[in-house]
Amino acid sequence: MFPELTGIPLSAEIPTRIGLVWKKGKYQNKGMREFLAFCRSYYSSAKSR
């Protein structure tokens, strides 16, 4: 796709912190609820790695 670009593998993880914000008490559709559940699950298991 971009032949002029070259990937450089990183030897160590780069620690990052993210935050998600949404209005409490507002309607969340099914996709949003599933996304939040995935994020909670993924990042809670990432702490134990």
N, C-alpha and C. Protein backbone atom coordinates (compact mmCIF):
# COMPACT_ATOMS: atom_id res chain seq x y z
N MET A 1 0.82 -1.19 0.00
CA MET A 1 0.00 0.00 0.00
C MET A 1 0.87 1.26 0.00
N PHE A 2 1.87 1.31 0.89
CA PHE A 2 2.81 2.42 0.94
C PHE A 2 4.21 1.85 0.88
N PRO A 3 4.72 1.56 -0.29
CA PRO A 3 6.03 0.90 -0.40
C PRO A 3 7.18 1.74 0.14
N GLU A 4 7.01 3.04 0.27
CA GLU A 4 8.09 3.89 0.77
C GLU A 4 8.21 3.86 2.30
N LEU A 5 7.25 3.22 2.98
CA LEU A 5 7.28 3.12 4.44
C LEU A 5 7.83 1.77 4.86
N THR A 6 8.60 1.79 5.93
CA THR A 6 9.18 0.57 6.48
C THR A 6 8.78 0.45 7.94
N GLY A 7 8.31 -0.72 8.32
CA GLY A 7 7.96 -0.95 9.71
C GLY A 7 9.20 -1.25 10.55
N ILE A 8 9.22 -0.74 11.76
CA ILE A 8 10.33 -0.98 12.68
C ILE A 8 9.75 -1.67 13.91
N PRO A 9 10.10 -2.94 14.15
CA PRO A 9 9.55 -3.63 15.32
C PRO A 9 10.10 -3.04 16.62
N LEU A 10 9.26 -2.94 17.61
CA LEU A 10 9.67 -2.45 18.92
C LEU A 10 10.00 -3.63 19.80
N SER A 11 11.10 -3.53 20.51
CA SER A 11 11.53 -4.66 21.33
C SER A 11 10.82 -4.72 22.68
N ALA A 12 10.28 -3.61 23.12
CA ALA A 12 9.59 -3.59 24.42
C ALA A 12 8.24 -2.90 24.27
N GLU A 13 7.32 -3.28 25.14
CA GLU A 13 6.02 -2.63 25.12
C GLU A 13 6.17 -1.17 25.52
N ILE A 14 5.33 -0.35 24.95
CA ILE A 14 5.28 1.06 25.33
C ILE A 14 4.08 1.21 26.26
N PRO A 15 4.31 1.50 27.53
CA PRO A 15 3.18 1.60 28.46
C PRO A 15 2.31 2.81 28.12
N THR A 16 1.01 2.59 28.11
CA THR A 16 0.06 3.67 27.85
C THR A 16 -1.09 3.59 28.83
N ARG A 17 -1.69 4.71 29.06
CA ARG A 17 -2.89 4.75 29.90
C ARG A 17 -3.97 5.40 29.07
N ILE A 18 -5.14 4.81 29.08
CA ILE A 18 -6.26 5.40 28.36
C ILE A 18 -7.41 5.60 29.32
N GLY A 19 -8.32 6.42 28.93
CA GLY A 19 -9.52 6.63 29.72
C GLY A 19 -10.72 6.70 28.81
N LEU A 20 -11.83 6.21 29.27
CA LEU A 20 -13.09 6.29 28.55
C LEU A 20 -14.06 7.10 29.39
N VAL A 21 -14.79 7.97 28.74
CA VAL A 21 -15.73 8.84 29.45
C VAL A 21 -17.08 8.77 28.76
N TRP A 22 -18.13 8.67 29.55
CA TRP A 22 -19.48 8.72 29.01
C TRP A 22 -20.38 9.30 30.08
N LYS A 23 -21.52 9.81 29.66
CA LYS A 23 -22.45 10.43 30.59
C LYS A 23 -23.18 9.37 31.38
N LYS A 24 -23.09 9.47 32.67
CA LYS A 24 -23.75 8.51 33.56
C LYS A 24 -25.26 8.68 33.45
N GLY A 25 -25.94 7.56 33.39
CA GLY A 25 -27.39 7.59 33.35
C GLY A 25 -27.97 7.77 31.95
N LYS A 26 -27.13 7.97 30.94
CA LYS A 26 -27.63 8.11 29.57
C LYS A 26 -27.73 6.75 28.92
N TYR A 27 -28.61 6.64 27.93
CA TYR A 27 -28.82 5.39 27.22
C TYR A 27 -27.55 4.97 26.48
N GLN A 28 -27.20 3.69 26.60
CA GLN A 28 -26.08 3.12 25.86
C GLN A 28 -26.63 1.98 25.02
N ASN A 29 -26.39 2.05 23.71
CA ASN A 29 -26.89 0.97 22.86
C ASN A 29 -26.08 -0.30 23.10
N LYS A 30 -26.54 -1.39 22.51
CA LYS A 30 -25.91 -2.69 22.74
C LYS A 30 -24.44 -2.70 22.35
N GLY A 31 -24.12 -2.09 21.23
CA GLY A 31 -22.72 -2.04 20.78
C GLY A 31 -21.83 -1.33 21.78
N MET A 32 -22.31 -0.23 22.34
CA MET A 32 -21.53 0.51 23.33
C MET A 32 -21.35 -0.31 24.60
N ARG A 33 -22.40 -0.97 25.06
CA ARG A 33 -22.29 -1.80 26.27
C ARG A 33 -21.30 -2.94 26.05
N GLU A 34 -21.32 -3.55 24.86
CA GLU A 34 -20.38 -4.64 24.56
C GLU A 34 -18.95 -4.11 24.47
N PHE A 35 -18.77 -2.94 23.88
CA PHE A 35 -17.44 -2.34 23.79
C PHE A 35 -16.88 -2.04 25.18
N LEU A 36 -17.69 -1.47 26.04
CA LEU A 36 -17.25 -1.17 27.41
C LEU A 36 -16.91 -2.46 28.16
N ALA A 37 -17.73 -3.50 27.98
CA ALA A 37 -17.45 -4.78 28.65
C ALA A 37 -16.13 -5.36 28.14
N PHE A 38 -15.90 -5.27 26.83
CA PHE A 38 -14.65 -5.75 26.26
C PHE A 38 -13.46 -4.99 26.85
N CYS A 39 -13.56 -3.67 26.89
CA CYS A 39 -12.46 -2.85 27.42
C CYS A 39 -12.17 -3.21 28.88
N ARG A 40 -13.22 -3.33 29.67
CA ARG A 40 -13.03 -3.68 31.08
C ARG A 40 -12.35 -5.04 31.21
N SER A 41 -12.81 -5.99 30.44
CA SER A 41 -12.23 -7.34 30.49
C SER A 41 -10.78 -7.35 30.02
N TYR A 42 -10.52 -6.70 28.90
CA TYR A 42 -9.18 -6.68 28.32
C TYR A 42 -8.19 -6.01 29.26
N TYR A 43 -8.53 -4.86 29.79
CA TYR A 43 -7.58 -4.14 30.61
C TYR A 43 -7.46 -4.71 32.02
N SER A 44 -8.48 -5.38 32.51
CA SER A 44 -8.33 -6.04 33.82
C SER A 44 -7.42 -7.25 33.69
N SER A 45 -7.49 -7.96 32.53
CA SER A 45 -6.58 -9.09 32.32
C SER A 45 -5.18 -8.61 31.97
N ALA A 46 -5.06 -7.42 31.40
CA ALA A 46 -3.73 -6.90 31.05
C ALA A 46 -2.94 -6.54 32.30
N LYS A 47 -3.62 -6.20 33.38
CA LYS A 47 -2.94 -5.88 34.64
C LYS A 47 -2.21 -7.10 35.19
N SER A 48 -2.74 -8.29 34.92
CA SER A 48 -2.15 -9.51 35.47
C SER A 48 -1.04 -10.08 34.58
N ARG A 49 -0.77 -9.45 33.46
CA ARG A 49 0.28 -9.95 32.56
C ARG A 49 1.65 -9.59 33.06
